[in-house]
Amino acid sequence: MTTVAKGAEQDKPLQRLATLLTRLPGIGEKSALRLALWLARADGEYVRALSASLLEVHEQLRLCGICCDLCAGEQCERCRDPRRDRSVICVVAQPQDRIALERSGVYRGLYHVLHGVLDPLAGVGPAELKIETLLRRLDGEEVEEVIVATSPNVEGDATALYLSKLLRPLGMKVSRIASGVAVGGELEYADMSTLHRALADRRVL
């Protein structure tokens, strides 16, 4: 085997890792290679801990049987908490949106995670979201208000409008987060004061 061939063979683990990292959201080829090189030189104990944590997340996390958020048991800690206000449900697109709202500390109701927004061009319709689960849940709980907290962009607005038309006939208040979150922005990146204003100034849909 030539020296070049040996070098290429030795680079394969690095290339495989970089290729896998490019599948992560927001990670391009250059960033993936930089991360792969950093991990190759990282402390072995850290790499083993990282590997174990990745496996743990993949094997143990599941969807909460009530709100569809990610959790390690049958129900998440928020759905189990009797101190939460069970008369209001905040509907979000993704778990990271729930995390952002919860971190703000201004909302003490329950959540429902759709795992996406309506996007016909990408083939995402109502059947691909956790909307049926939400409807079944509303049929069995005493909910007075549903807050639609999807990001203020085209897909988020379309999802909010669809949910409003679907839920208003059920006789409950349907509201939408308002000022504070920039149009076209993503909810998960908003700061705490912005999220506070968005929740406090929500409007009826």
N, C-alpha and C. Protein backbone atom coordinates (compact mmCIF):
# COMPACT_ATOMS: atom_id res chain seq x y z
N MET A 1 0.86 -1.20 0.00
CA MET A 1 0.00 0.00 0.00
C MET A 1 0.89 1.25 0.00
N THR A 2 0.59 2.19 -0.81
CA THR A 2 1.41 3.40 -0.90
C THR A 2 1.17 4.29 0.30
N THR A 3 2.07 5.27 0.46
CA THR A 3 1.94 6.22 1.57
C THR A 3 0.65 7.01 1.45
N VAL A 4 0.27 7.41 0.23
CA VAL A 4 -0.96 8.17 0.00
C VAL A 4 -2.16 7.34 0.40
N ALA A 5 -2.15 6.05 0.00
CA ALA A 5 -3.28 5.18 0.32
C ALA A 5 -3.40 5.00 1.83
N LYS A 6 -2.24 4.85 2.52
CA LYS A 6 -2.28 4.71 3.97
C LYS A 6 -2.85 5.96 4.62
N GLY A 7 -2.44 7.12 4.13
CA GLY A 7 -2.95 8.38 4.68
C GLY A 7 -4.45 8.51 4.50
N ALA A 8 -4.92 8.12 3.31
CA ALA A 8 -6.37 8.19 3.05
C ALA A 8 -7.13 7.26 3.98
N GLU A 9 -6.53 6.06 4.22
CA GLU A 9 -7.18 5.08 5.11
C GLU A 9 -7.26 5.62 6.53
N GLN A 10 -6.19 6.30 6.97
CA GLN A 10 -6.17 6.85 8.31
C GLN A 10 -7.15 8.00 8.47
N ASP A 11 -7.45 8.70 7.38
CA ASP A 11 -8.36 9.84 7.44
C ASP A 11 -9.83 9.41 7.46
N LYS A 12 -10.12 8.15 7.15
CA LYS A 12 -11.51 7.72 7.01
C LYS A 12 -12.35 7.95 8.28
N PRO A 13 -11.86 7.61 9.49
CA PRO A 13 -12.67 7.89 10.69
C PRO A 13 -13.03 9.36 10.83
N LEU A 14 -12.07 10.23 10.52
CA LEU A 14 -12.31 11.67 10.60
C LEU A 14 -13.35 12.09 9.56
N GLN A 15 -13.24 11.56 8.36
CA GLN A 15 -14.18 11.89 7.30
C GLN A 15 -15.58 11.38 7.62
N ARG A 16 -15.66 10.18 8.19
CA ARG A 16 -16.96 9.63 8.57
C ARG A 16 -17.63 10.50 9.63
N LEU A 17 -16.85 10.91 10.62
CA LEU A 17 -17.39 11.77 11.67
C LEU A 17 -17.85 13.10 11.10
N ALA A 18 -17.03 13.71 10.26
CA ALA A 18 -17.39 15.00 9.65
C ALA A 18 -18.66 14.86 8.82
N THR A 19 -18.78 13.76 8.08
CA THR A 19 -19.98 13.54 7.26
C THR A 19 -21.22 13.41 8.13
N LEU A 20 -21.11 12.70 9.23
CA LEU A 20 -22.24 12.56 10.15
C LEU A 20 -22.61 13.90 10.78
N LEU A 21 -21.62 14.70 11.10
CA LEU A 21 -21.89 16.00 11.72
C LEU A 21 -22.59 16.95 10.77
N THR A 22 -22.37 16.80 9.46
CA THR A 22 -23.05 17.69 8.49
C THR A 22 -24.56 17.47 8.48
N ARG A 23 -25.01 16.35 9.02
CA ARG A 23 -26.44 16.07 9.08
C ARG A 23 -27.14 16.80 10.21
N LEU A 24 -26.35 17.42 11.09
CA LEU A 24 -26.93 18.22 12.17
C LEU A 24 -27.41 19.56 11.61
N PRO A 25 -28.51 20.10 12.14
CA PRO A 25 -29.03 21.38 11.61
C PRO A 25 -28.03 22.51 11.83
N GLY A 26 -27.81 23.29 10.78
CA GLY A 26 -26.95 24.46 10.86
C GLY A 26 -25.46 24.15 10.77
N ILE A 27 -25.09 22.91 10.51
CA ILE A 27 -23.68 22.53 10.43
C ILE A 27 -23.32 22.23 8.97
N GLY A 28 -22.47 23.08 8.39
CA GLY A 28 -21.99 22.86 7.03
C GLY A 28 -20.72 22.03 7.04
N GLU A 29 -20.15 21.81 5.86
CA GLU A 29 -18.97 20.96 5.74
C GLU A 29 -17.77 21.50 6.51
N LYS A 30 -17.53 22.81 6.42
CA LYS A 30 -16.38 23.39 7.11
C LYS A 30 -16.53 23.30 8.63
N SER A 31 -17.73 23.61 9.11
CA SER A 31 -17.98 23.53 10.55
C SER A 31 -17.88 22.09 11.03
N ALA A 32 -18.38 21.16 10.23
CA ALA A 32 -18.33 19.74 10.60
C ALA A 32 -16.89 19.26 10.70
N LEU A 33 -16.06 19.65 9.75
CA LEU A 33 -14.65 19.25 9.78
C LEU A 33 -13.93 19.86 10.98
N ARG A 34 -14.25 21.11 11.28
CA ARG A 34 -13.63 21.78 12.43
C ARG A 34 -14.02 21.08 13.74
N LEU A 35 -15.30 20.69 13.86
CA LEU A 35 -15.75 19.97 15.04
C LEU A 35 -15.12 18.59 15.13
N ALA A 36 -15.02 17.92 14.00
CA ALA A 36 -14.43 16.58 13.98
C ALA A 36 -12.96 16.63 14.41
N LEU A 37 -12.23 17.63 13.91
CA LEU A 37 -10.83 17.79 14.30
C LEU A 37 -10.71 18.11 15.79
N TRP A 38 -11.62 18.94 16.29
CA TRP A 38 -11.58 19.28 17.72
C TRP A 38 -11.83 18.03 18.57
N LEU A 39 -12.84 17.22 18.17
CA LEU A 39 -13.15 16.00 18.91
C LEU A 39 -12.00 15.00 18.85
N ALA A 40 -11.30 14.97 17.73
CA ALA A 40 -10.17 14.04 17.60
C ALA A 40 -9.06 14.37 18.59
N ARG A 41 -8.95 15.64 18.95
CA ARG A 41 -7.89 16.06 19.88
C ARG A 41 -8.41 16.23 21.31
N ALA A 42 -9.71 16.02 21.51
CA ALA A 42 -10.32 16.26 22.83
C ALA A 42 -9.92 15.20 23.84
N ASP A 43 -10.13 15.53 25.11
CA ASP A 43 -9.84 14.59 26.20
C ASP A 43 -10.72 13.35 26.04
N GLY A 44 -10.11 12.17 26.21
CA GLY A 44 -10.82 10.91 26.02
C GLY A 44 -12.01 10.76 26.94
N GLU A 45 -11.89 11.23 28.17
CA GLU A 45 -12.99 11.13 29.14
C GLU A 45 -14.20 11.93 28.67
N TYR A 46 -13.92 13.13 28.12
CA TYR A 46 -15.02 13.96 27.61
C TYR A 46 -15.71 13.28 26.43
N VAL A 47 -14.92 12.72 25.51
CA VAL A 47 -15.50 12.07 24.33
C VAL A 47 -16.36 10.88 24.74
N ARG A 48 -15.89 10.10 25.72
CA ARG A 48 -16.68 8.96 26.20
C ARG A 48 -17.98 9.43 26.86
N ALA A 49 -17.89 10.51 27.63
CA ALA A 49 -19.09 11.06 28.28
C ALA A 49 -20.08 11.58 27.23
N LEU A 50 -19.54 12.23 26.19
CA LEU A 50 -20.38 12.74 25.11
C LEU A 50 -21.07 11.59 24.38
N SER A 51 -20.33 10.53 24.08
CA SER A 51 -20.90 9.36 23.41
C SER A 51 -22.00 8.72 24.25
N ALA A 52 -21.75 8.59 25.55
CA ALA A 52 -22.75 7.99 26.45
C ALA A 52 -23.99 8.86 26.53
N SER A 53 -23.80 10.18 26.56
CA SER A 53 -24.95 11.09 26.63
C SER A 53 -25.79 11.03 25.36
N LEU A 54 -25.14 10.94 24.20
CA LEU A 54 -25.87 10.82 22.93
C LEU A 54 -26.71 9.55 22.90
N LEU A 55 -26.12 8.45 23.34
CA LEU A 55 -26.87 7.18 23.39
C LEU A 55 -28.02 7.26 24.37
N GLU A 56 -27.78 7.89 25.51
CA GLU A 56 -28.82 8.01 26.53
C GLU A 56 -30.02 8.80 26.01
N VAL A 57 -29.73 9.93 25.34
CA VAL A 57 -30.80 10.75 24.77
C VAL A 57 -31.59 9.96 23.73
N HIS A 58 -30.87 9.25 22.87
CA HIS A 58 -31.53 8.51 21.79
C HIS A 58 -32.38 7.34 22.33
N GLU A 59 -31.88 6.67 23.36
CA GLU A 59 -32.55 5.48 23.85
C GLU A 59 -33.63 5.76 24.89
N GLN A 60 -33.50 6.85 25.65
CA GLN A 60 -34.41 7.07 26.76
C GLN A 60 -35.49 8.11 26.50
N LEU A 61 -35.22 9.10 25.64
CA LEU A 61 -36.22 10.13 25.41
C LEU A 61 -37.35 9.60 24.55
N ARG A 62 -38.57 9.98 24.91
CA ARG A 62 -39.76 9.62 24.15
C ARG A 62 -40.72 10.80 24.20
N LEU A 63 -41.86 10.69 23.54
CA LEU A 63 -42.85 11.76 23.57
C LEU A 63 -43.77 11.58 24.76
N CYS A 64 -44.01 12.67 25.47
CA CYS A 64 -44.96 12.66 26.58
C CYS A 64 -46.31 12.20 26.05
N GLY A 65 -46.97 11.33 26.78
CA GLY A 65 -48.26 10.80 26.36
C GLY A 65 -49.38 11.81 26.35
N ILE A 66 -49.13 13.00 26.93
CA ILE A 66 -50.16 14.04 26.98
C ILE A 66 -49.83 15.20 26.04
N CYS A 67 -48.67 15.82 26.24
CA CYS A 67 -48.36 17.06 25.49
C CYS A 67 -47.43 16.86 24.31
N CYS A 68 -46.90 15.64 24.14
CA CYS A 68 -46.00 15.31 23.02
C CYS A 68 -44.63 15.97 23.11
N ASP A 69 -44.28 16.53 24.27
CA ASP A 69 -42.94 17.05 24.47
C ASP A 69 -41.99 15.88 24.70
N LEU A 70 -40.70 16.11 24.55
CA LEU A 70 -39.72 15.06 24.82
C LEU A 70 -39.54 14.89 26.31
N CYS A 71 -39.49 13.66 26.78
CA CYS A 71 -39.27 13.39 28.19
C CYS A 71 -38.72 11.98 28.35
N ALA A 72 -38.29 11.66 29.57
CA ALA A 72 -37.68 10.36 29.83
C ALA A 72 -38.67 9.35 30.40
N GLY A 73 -39.92 9.74 30.60
CA GLY A 73 -40.93 8.83 31.14
C GLY A 73 -42.20 8.84 30.30
N GLU A 74 -43.27 8.32 30.88
CA GLU A 74 -44.55 8.30 30.17
C GLU A 74 -45.15 9.69 30.05
N GLN A 75 -44.90 10.53 31.08
CA GLN A 75 -45.39 11.91 31.08
C GLN A 75 -44.26 12.85 31.50
N CYS A 76 -44.29 14.05 30.97
CA CYS A 76 -43.26 15.03 31.32
C CYS A 76 -43.56 15.63 32.70
N GLU A 77 -42.59 16.30 33.26
CA GLU A 77 -42.74 16.86 34.60
C GLU A 77 -43.78 17.96 34.65
N ARG A 78 -44.01 18.69 33.56
CA ARG A 78 -45.00 19.76 33.54
C ARG A 78 -46.41 19.19 33.56
N CYS A 79 -46.66 18.13 32.80
CA CYS A 79 -47.99 17.53 32.81
C CYS A 79 -48.29 16.85 34.15
N ARG A 80 -47.24 16.41 34.85
CA ARG A 80 -47.42 15.76 36.15
C ARG A 80 -47.59 16.76 37.29
N ASP A 81 -47.18 18.00 37.05
CA ASP A 81 -47.14 19.00 38.12
C ASP A 81 -48.55 19.53 38.42
N PRO A 82 -49.11 19.25 39.61
CA PRO A 82 -50.47 19.71 39.94
C PRO A 82 -50.55 21.22 40.14
N ARG A 83 -49.40 21.89 40.25
CA ARG A 83 -49.40 23.34 40.47
C ARG A 83 -49.57 24.13 39.16
N ARG A 84 -49.46 23.46 38.02
CA ARG A 84 -49.62 24.17 36.74
C ARG A 84 -51.08 24.54 36.52
N ASP A 85 -51.29 25.66 35.84
CA ASP A 85 -52.64 26.11 35.48
C ASP A 85 -53.16 25.24 34.33
N ARG A 86 -54.12 24.39 34.61
CA ARG A 86 -54.60 23.43 33.63
C ARG A 86 -55.73 23.99 32.76
N SER A 87 -56.04 25.26 32.94
CA SER A 87 -57.11 25.87 32.14
C SER A 87 -56.57 26.48 30.85
N VAL A 88 -55.24 26.51 30.70
CA VAL A 88 -54.65 27.12 29.50
C VAL A 88 -53.55 26.22 28.95
N ILE A 89 -53.54 26.08 27.64
CA ILE A 89 -52.52 25.29 26.94
C ILE A 89 -51.82 26.18 25.92
N CYS A 90 -50.51 26.19 25.96
CA CYS A 90 -49.71 26.94 25.00
C CYS A 90 -49.20 25.97 23.93
N VAL A 91 -49.59 26.18 22.70
CA VAL A 91 -49.21 25.31 21.60
C VAL A 91 -47.95 25.86 20.94
N VAL A 92 -46.91 25.04 20.87
CA VAL A 92 -45.64 25.44 20.26
C VAL A 92 -45.28 24.47 19.14
N ALA A 93 -44.38 24.90 18.28
CA ALA A 93 -44.00 24.07 17.14
C ALA A 93 -43.03 22.97 17.53
N GLN A 94 -42.02 23.30 18.34
CA GLN A 94 -40.95 22.36 18.65
C GLN A 94 -40.60 22.39 20.13
N PRO A 95 -39.96 21.33 20.64
CA PRO A 95 -39.55 21.31 22.05
C PRO A 95 -38.68 22.50 22.44
N GLN A 96 -37.83 22.97 21.54
CA GLN A 96 -36.96 24.10 21.88
C GLN A 96 -37.76 25.38 22.12
N ASP A 97 -38.94 25.50 21.48
CA ASP A 97 -39.80 26.65 21.74
C ASP A 97 -40.39 26.58 23.14
N ARG A 98 -40.78 25.39 23.54
CA ARG A 98 -41.29 25.19 24.91
C ARG A 98 -40.21 25.54 25.93
N ILE A 99 -38.98 25.10 25.64
CA ILE A 99 -37.87 25.37 26.55
C ILE A 99 -37.65 26.88 26.69
N ALA A 100 -37.73 27.61 25.57
CA ALA A 100 -37.54 29.07 25.60
C ALA A 100 -38.62 29.74 26.42
N LEU A 101 -39.87 29.35 26.23
CA LEU A 101 -40.97 29.96 26.98
C LEU A 101 -40.88 29.61 28.47
N GLU A 102 -40.53 28.39 28.76
CA GLU A 102 -40.43 27.96 30.16
C GLU A 102 -39.29 28.71 30.86
N ARG A 103 -38.22 28.94 30.13
CA ARG A 103 -37.07 29.64 30.70
C ARG A 103 -37.41 31.09 31.06
N SER A 104 -38.39 31.66 30.36
CA SER A 104 -38.77 33.05 30.64
C SER A 104 -39.41 33.18 32.02
N GLY A 105 -39.99 32.10 32.53
CA GLY A 105 -40.56 32.10 33.88
C GLY A 105 -41.88 32.83 34.02
N VAL A 106 -42.53 33.22 32.92
CA VAL A 106 -43.76 34.00 33.00
C VAL A 106 -45.01 33.18 32.70
N TYR A 107 -44.83 31.95 32.28
CA TYR A 107 -45.98 31.12 31.91
C TYR A 107 -46.03 29.90 32.82
N ARG A 108 -47.18 29.65 33.41
CA ARG A 108 -47.32 28.53 34.33
C ARG A 108 -48.46 27.58 33.94
N GLY A 109 -48.87 27.64 32.68
CA GLY A 109 -49.89 26.73 32.20
C GLY A 109 -49.25 25.47 31.64
N LEU A 110 -50.01 24.75 30.81
CA LEU A 110 -49.53 23.54 30.18
C LEU A 110 -49.10 23.83 28.74
N TYR A 111 -48.49 22.86 28.10
CA TYR A 111 -48.01 23.02 26.73
C TYR A 111 -48.55 21.89 25.85
N HIS A 112 -48.44 22.13 24.54
CA HIS A 112 -48.64 21.06 23.56
C HIS A 112 -47.66 21.30 22.41
N VAL A 113 -46.88 20.28 22.07
CA VAL A 113 -45.84 20.42 21.04
C VAL A 113 -46.33 19.76 19.75
N LEU A 114 -46.37 20.55 18.67
CA LEU A 114 -46.85 20.05 17.38
C LEU A 114 -45.79 19.25 16.61
N HIS A 115 -44.53 19.51 16.89
CA HIS A 115 -43.40 18.93 16.15
C HIS A 115 -43.41 19.34 14.68
N GLY A 116 -43.57 20.65 14.50
CA GLY A 116 -43.53 21.21 13.16
C GLY A 116 -44.60 22.26 12.96
N VAL A 117 -44.63 22.84 11.79
CA VAL A 117 -45.67 23.79 11.39
C VAL A 117 -46.15 23.42 9.99
N LEU A 118 -47.30 23.93 9.64
CA LEU A 118 -47.84 23.65 8.30
C LEU A 118 -46.93 24.24 7.23
N ASP A 119 -46.53 23.41 6.29
CA ASP A 119 -45.63 23.84 5.22
C ASP A 119 -45.92 22.97 3.99
N PRO A 120 -46.95 23.32 3.21
CA PRO A 120 -47.34 22.50 2.06
C PRO A 120 -46.21 22.26 1.06
N LEU A 121 -45.34 23.25 0.88
CA LEU A 121 -44.24 23.09 -0.08
C LEU A 121 -43.27 22.01 0.35
N ALA A 122 -43.17 21.79 1.66
CA ALA A 122 -42.28 20.75 2.19
C ALA A 122 -43.04 19.46 2.49
N GLY A 123 -44.32 19.44 2.12
CA GLY A 123 -45.12 18.24 2.33
C GLY A 123 -45.60 18.05 3.76
N VAL A 124 -45.64 19.13 4.54
CA VAL A 124 -46.09 19.04 5.93
C VAL A 124 -47.52 19.57 6.03
N GLY A 125 -48.46 18.68 6.24
CA GLY A 125 -49.85 19.04 6.41
C GLY A 125 -50.30 18.74 7.82
N PRO A 126 -51.59 18.92 8.12
CA PRO A 126 -52.10 18.65 9.47
C PRO A 126 -51.84 17.23 9.96
N ALA A 127 -51.85 16.27 9.05
CA ALA A 127 -51.64 14.88 9.45
C ALA A 127 -50.24 14.62 9.95
N GLU A 128 -49.28 15.45 9.54
CA GLU A 128 -47.89 15.26 9.97
C GLU A 128 -47.61 15.91 11.32
N LEU A 129 -48.54 16.70 11.84
CA LEU A 129 -48.36 17.37 13.12
C LEU A 129 -49.19 16.69 14.21
N LYS A 130 -48.92 17.05 15.44
CA LYS A 130 -49.63 16.44 16.58
C LYS A 130 -50.93 17.19 16.88
N ILE A 131 -51.71 17.41 15.82
CA ILE A 131 -52.96 18.15 15.97
C ILE A 131 -54.08 17.24 16.46
N GLU A 132 -54.18 16.03 15.94
CA GLU A 132 -55.20 15.09 16.40
C GLU A 132 -55.04 14.80 17.89
N THR A 133 -53.79 14.69 18.33
CA THR A 133 -53.51 14.47 19.75
C THR A 133 -54.01 15.65 20.58
N LEU A 134 -53.83 16.86 20.07
CA LEU A 134 -54.32 18.06 20.75
C LEU A 134 -55.84 18.04 20.85
N LEU A 135 -56.52 17.68 19.77
CA LEU A 135 -57.98 17.66 19.77
C LEU A 135 -58.52 16.63 20.77
N ARG A 136 -57.90 15.45 20.81
CA ARG A 136 -58.32 14.43 21.77
C ARG A 136 -58.10 14.92 23.20
N ARG A 137 -57.01 15.62 23.39
CA ARG A 137 -56.70 16.15 24.71
C ARG A 137 -57.71 17.20 25.14
N LEU A 138 -58.07 18.10 24.25
CA LEU A 138 -59.03 19.15 24.57
C LEU A 138 -60.41 18.58 24.87
N ASP A 139 -60.71 17.44 24.28
CA ASP A 139 -62.01 16.80 24.50
C ASP A 139 -62.11 16.24 25.92
N GLY A 140 -60.95 15.99 26.55
CA GLY A 140 -60.98 15.37 27.87
C GLY A 140 -60.52 16.27 29.00
N GLU A 141 -60.13 17.52 28.71
CA GLU A 141 -59.65 18.43 29.74
C GLU A 141 -60.48 19.72 29.77
N GLU A 142 -60.52 20.35 30.94
CA GLU A 142 -61.26 21.61 31.10
C GLU A 142 -60.35 22.78 30.74
N VAL A 143 -60.20 23.01 29.45
CA VAL A 143 -59.32 24.07 28.96
C VAL A 143 -60.15 25.27 28.54
N GLU A 144 -59.77 26.46 29.03
CA GLU A 144 -60.49 27.68 28.71
C GLU A 144 -59.82 28.47 27.58
N GLU A 145 -58.49 28.35 27.47
CA GLU A 145 -57.78 29.12 26.46
C GLU A 145 -56.64 28.32 25.86
N VAL A 146 -56.47 28.46 24.56
CA VAL A 146 -55.33 27.88 23.86
C VAL A 146 -54.51 29.03 23.28
N ILE A 147 -53.26 29.13 23.70
CA ILE A 147 -52.36 30.16 23.18
C ILE A 147 -51.52 29.53 22.07
N VAL A 148 -51.60 30.06 20.87
CA VAL A 148 -50.80 29.55 19.77
C VAL A 148 -49.50 30.35 19.73
N ALA A 149 -48.41 29.68 20.07
CA ALA A 149 -47.10 30.36 20.17
C ALA A 149 -46.15 29.85 19.12
N THR A 150 -46.60 29.86 17.87
CA THR A 150 -45.71 29.52 16.77
C THR A 150 -44.97 30.78 16.34
N SER A 151 -43.81 30.62 15.72
CA SER A 151 -43.00 31.77 15.31
C SER A 151 -43.76 32.65 14.32
N PRO A 152 -43.55 33.98 14.38
CA PRO A 152 -44.28 34.91 13.51
C PRO A 152 -43.70 34.97 12.10
N ASN A 153 -43.81 33.87 11.37
CA ASN A 153 -43.41 33.83 9.97
C ASN A 153 -44.56 33.21 9.17
N VAL A 154 -44.39 33.02 7.88
CA VAL A 154 -45.49 32.55 7.03
C VAL A 154 -46.05 31.22 7.52
N GLU A 155 -45.16 30.26 7.79
CA GLU A 155 -45.62 28.93 8.22
C GLU A 155 -46.25 28.98 9.61
N GLY A 156 -45.64 29.77 10.51
CA GLY A 156 -46.19 29.89 11.86
C GLY A 156 -47.55 30.55 11.86
N ASP A 157 -47.71 31.59 11.04
CA ASP A 157 -49.01 32.28 10.95
C ASP A 157 -50.07 31.37 10.34
N ALA A 158 -49.69 30.61 9.32
CA ALA A 158 -50.65 29.69 8.69
C ALA A 158 -51.11 28.62 9.67
N THR A 159 -50.18 28.14 10.48
CA THR A 159 -50.52 27.13 11.49
C THR A 159 -51.45 27.72 12.54
N ALA A 160 -51.17 28.95 12.97
CA ALA A 160 -52.02 29.62 13.96
C ALA A 160 -53.43 29.81 13.42
N LEU A 161 -53.55 30.25 12.17
CA LEU A 161 -54.87 30.47 11.57
C LEU A 161 -55.64 29.15 11.44
N TYR A 162 -54.95 28.09 11.04
CA TYR A 162 -55.58 26.78 10.91
C TYR A 162 -56.11 26.30 12.26
N LEU A 163 -55.29 26.44 13.31
CA LEU A 163 -55.71 26.00 14.64
C LEU A 163 -56.88 26.83 15.15
N SER A 164 -56.86 28.14 14.85
CA SER A 164 -57.95 29.00 15.28
C SER A 164 -59.28 28.55 14.68
N LYS A 165 -59.28 28.27 13.39
CA LYS A 165 -60.52 27.82 12.71
C LYS A 165 -60.97 26.46 13.23
N LEU A 166 -60.01 25.66 13.66
CA LEU A 166 -60.31 24.32 14.14
C LEU A 166 -60.85 24.33 15.57
N LEU A 167 -60.32 25.25 16.39
CA LEU A 167 -60.62 25.22 17.83
C LEU A 167 -61.76 26.15 18.25
N ARG A 168 -61.96 27.24 17.52
CA ARG A 168 -63.01 28.18 17.93
C ARG A 168 -64.40 27.55 18.02
N PRO A 169 -64.77 26.65 17.09
CA PRO A 169 -66.08 26.01 17.21
C PRO A 169 -66.24 25.17 18.49
N LEU A 170 -65.13 24.84 19.14
CA LEU A 170 -65.20 24.06 20.38
C LEU A 170 -65.57 24.94 21.57
N GLY A 171 -65.69 26.26 21.33
CA GLY A 171 -66.15 27.17 22.38
C GLY A 171 -65.08 27.65 23.32
N MET A 172 -63.83 27.58 22.93
CA MET A 172 -62.76 28.06 23.80
C MET A 172 -62.05 29.26 23.18
N LYS A 173 -61.41 30.04 24.03
CA LYS A 173 -60.66 31.20 23.57
C LYS A 173 -59.37 30.74 22.91
N VAL A 174 -59.09 31.27 21.71
CA VAL A 174 -57.85 30.95 21.00
C VAL A 174 -57.11 32.26 20.79
N SER A 175 -55.90 32.37 21.35
CA SER A 175 -55.12 33.61 21.24
C SER A 175 -53.77 33.33 20.59
N ARG A 176 -53.11 34.40 20.22
CA ARG A 176 -51.84 34.31 19.49
C ARG A 176 -50.84 35.23 20.16
N ILE A 177 -49.58 34.75 20.36
CA ILE A 177 -48.57 35.64 20.93
C ILE A 177 -48.44 36.87 20.03
N ALA A 178 -48.20 38.00 20.66
CA ALA A 178 -48.27 39.27 19.92
C ALA A 178 -46.93 39.97 19.82
N SER A 179 -46.91 41.28 20.12
CA SER A 179 -45.73 42.11 19.93
C SER A 179 -44.56 41.60 20.76
N GLY A 180 -43.38 41.88 20.27
CA GLY A 180 -42.19 41.46 20.99
C GLY A 180 -41.34 40.53 20.16
N VAL A 181 -41.97 39.57 19.50
CA VAL A 181 -41.23 38.64 18.65
C VAL A 181 -41.22 39.20 17.24
N ALA A 182 -40.05 39.41 16.67
CA ALA A 182 -39.93 40.03 15.36
C ALA A 182 -40.58 39.18 14.28
N VAL A 183 -41.25 39.84 13.33
CA VAL A 183 -41.85 39.13 12.21
C VAL A 183 -40.77 38.42 11.41
N GLY A 184 -41.00 37.16 11.15
CA GLY A 184 -40.01 36.36 10.43
C GLY A 184 -38.97 35.75 11.32
N GLY A 185 -39.02 36.06 12.63
CA GLY A 185 -38.03 35.52 13.57
C GLY A 185 -38.42 34.15 14.08
N GLU A 186 -37.53 33.55 14.83
CA GLU A 186 -37.77 32.24 15.43
C GLU A 186 -37.93 32.39 16.93
N LEU A 187 -38.95 31.75 17.46
CA LEU A 187 -39.30 31.89 18.87
C LEU A 187 -38.16 31.46 19.78
N GLU A 188 -37.46 30.39 19.43
CA GLU A 188 -36.45 29.83 20.31
C GLU A 188 -35.28 30.78 20.56
N TYR A 189 -35.09 31.78 19.68
CA TYR A 189 -33.96 32.70 19.82
C TYR A 189 -34.33 34.01 20.52
N ALA A 190 -35.61 34.16 20.88
CA ALA A 190 -36.05 35.39 21.53
C ALA A 190 -35.56 35.44 22.98
N ASP A 191 -35.27 36.67 23.47
CA ASP A 191 -34.82 36.79 24.86
C ASP A 191 -36.02 36.76 25.80
N MET A 192 -35.74 36.70 27.11
CA MET A 192 -36.80 36.50 28.10
C MET A 192 -37.80 37.65 28.14
N SER A 193 -37.31 38.90 28.09
CA SER A 193 -38.22 40.04 28.15
C SER A 193 -39.11 40.09 26.92
N THR A 194 -38.56 39.70 25.77
CA THR A 194 -39.35 39.65 24.53
C THR A 194 -40.45 38.63 24.65
N LEU A 195 -40.13 37.45 25.17
CA LEU A 195 -41.14 36.40 25.34
C LEU A 195 -42.19 36.83 26.36
N HIS A 196 -41.77 37.54 27.40
CA HIS A 196 -42.71 38.04 28.40
C HIS A 196 -43.74 38.95 27.75
N ARG A 197 -43.28 39.89 26.91
CA ARG A 197 -44.20 40.81 26.22
C ARG A 197 -45.10 40.06 25.25
N ALA A 198 -44.53 39.08 24.56
CA ALA A 198 -45.31 38.33 23.58
C ALA A 198 -46.47 37.58 24.23
N LEU A 199 -46.22 37.01 25.40
CA LEU A 199 -47.28 36.30 26.12
C LEU A 199 -48.29 37.26 26.74
N ALA A 200 -47.78 38.32 27.36
CA ALA A 200 -48.65 39.27 28.05
C ALA A 200 -49.57 40.01 27.09
N ASP A 201 -49.08 40.29 25.87
CA ASP A 201 -49.86 41.06 24.89
C ASP A 201 -50.53 40.19 23.84
N ARG A 202 -50.71 38.93 24.14
CA ARG A 202 -51.33 38.03 23.15
C ARG A 202 -52.72 38.54 22.77
N ARG A 203 -53.11 38.24 21.54
CA ARG A 203 -54.39 38.71 21.02
C ARG A 203 -55.25 37.53 20.62
N VAL A 204 -56.56 37.78 20.63
CA VAL A 204 -57.52 36.73 20.27
C VAL A 204 -57.46 36.50 18.77
N LEU A 205 -57.46 35.26 18.35
CA LEU A 205 -57.43 34.93 16.92
C LEU A 205 -58.85 34.89 16.36
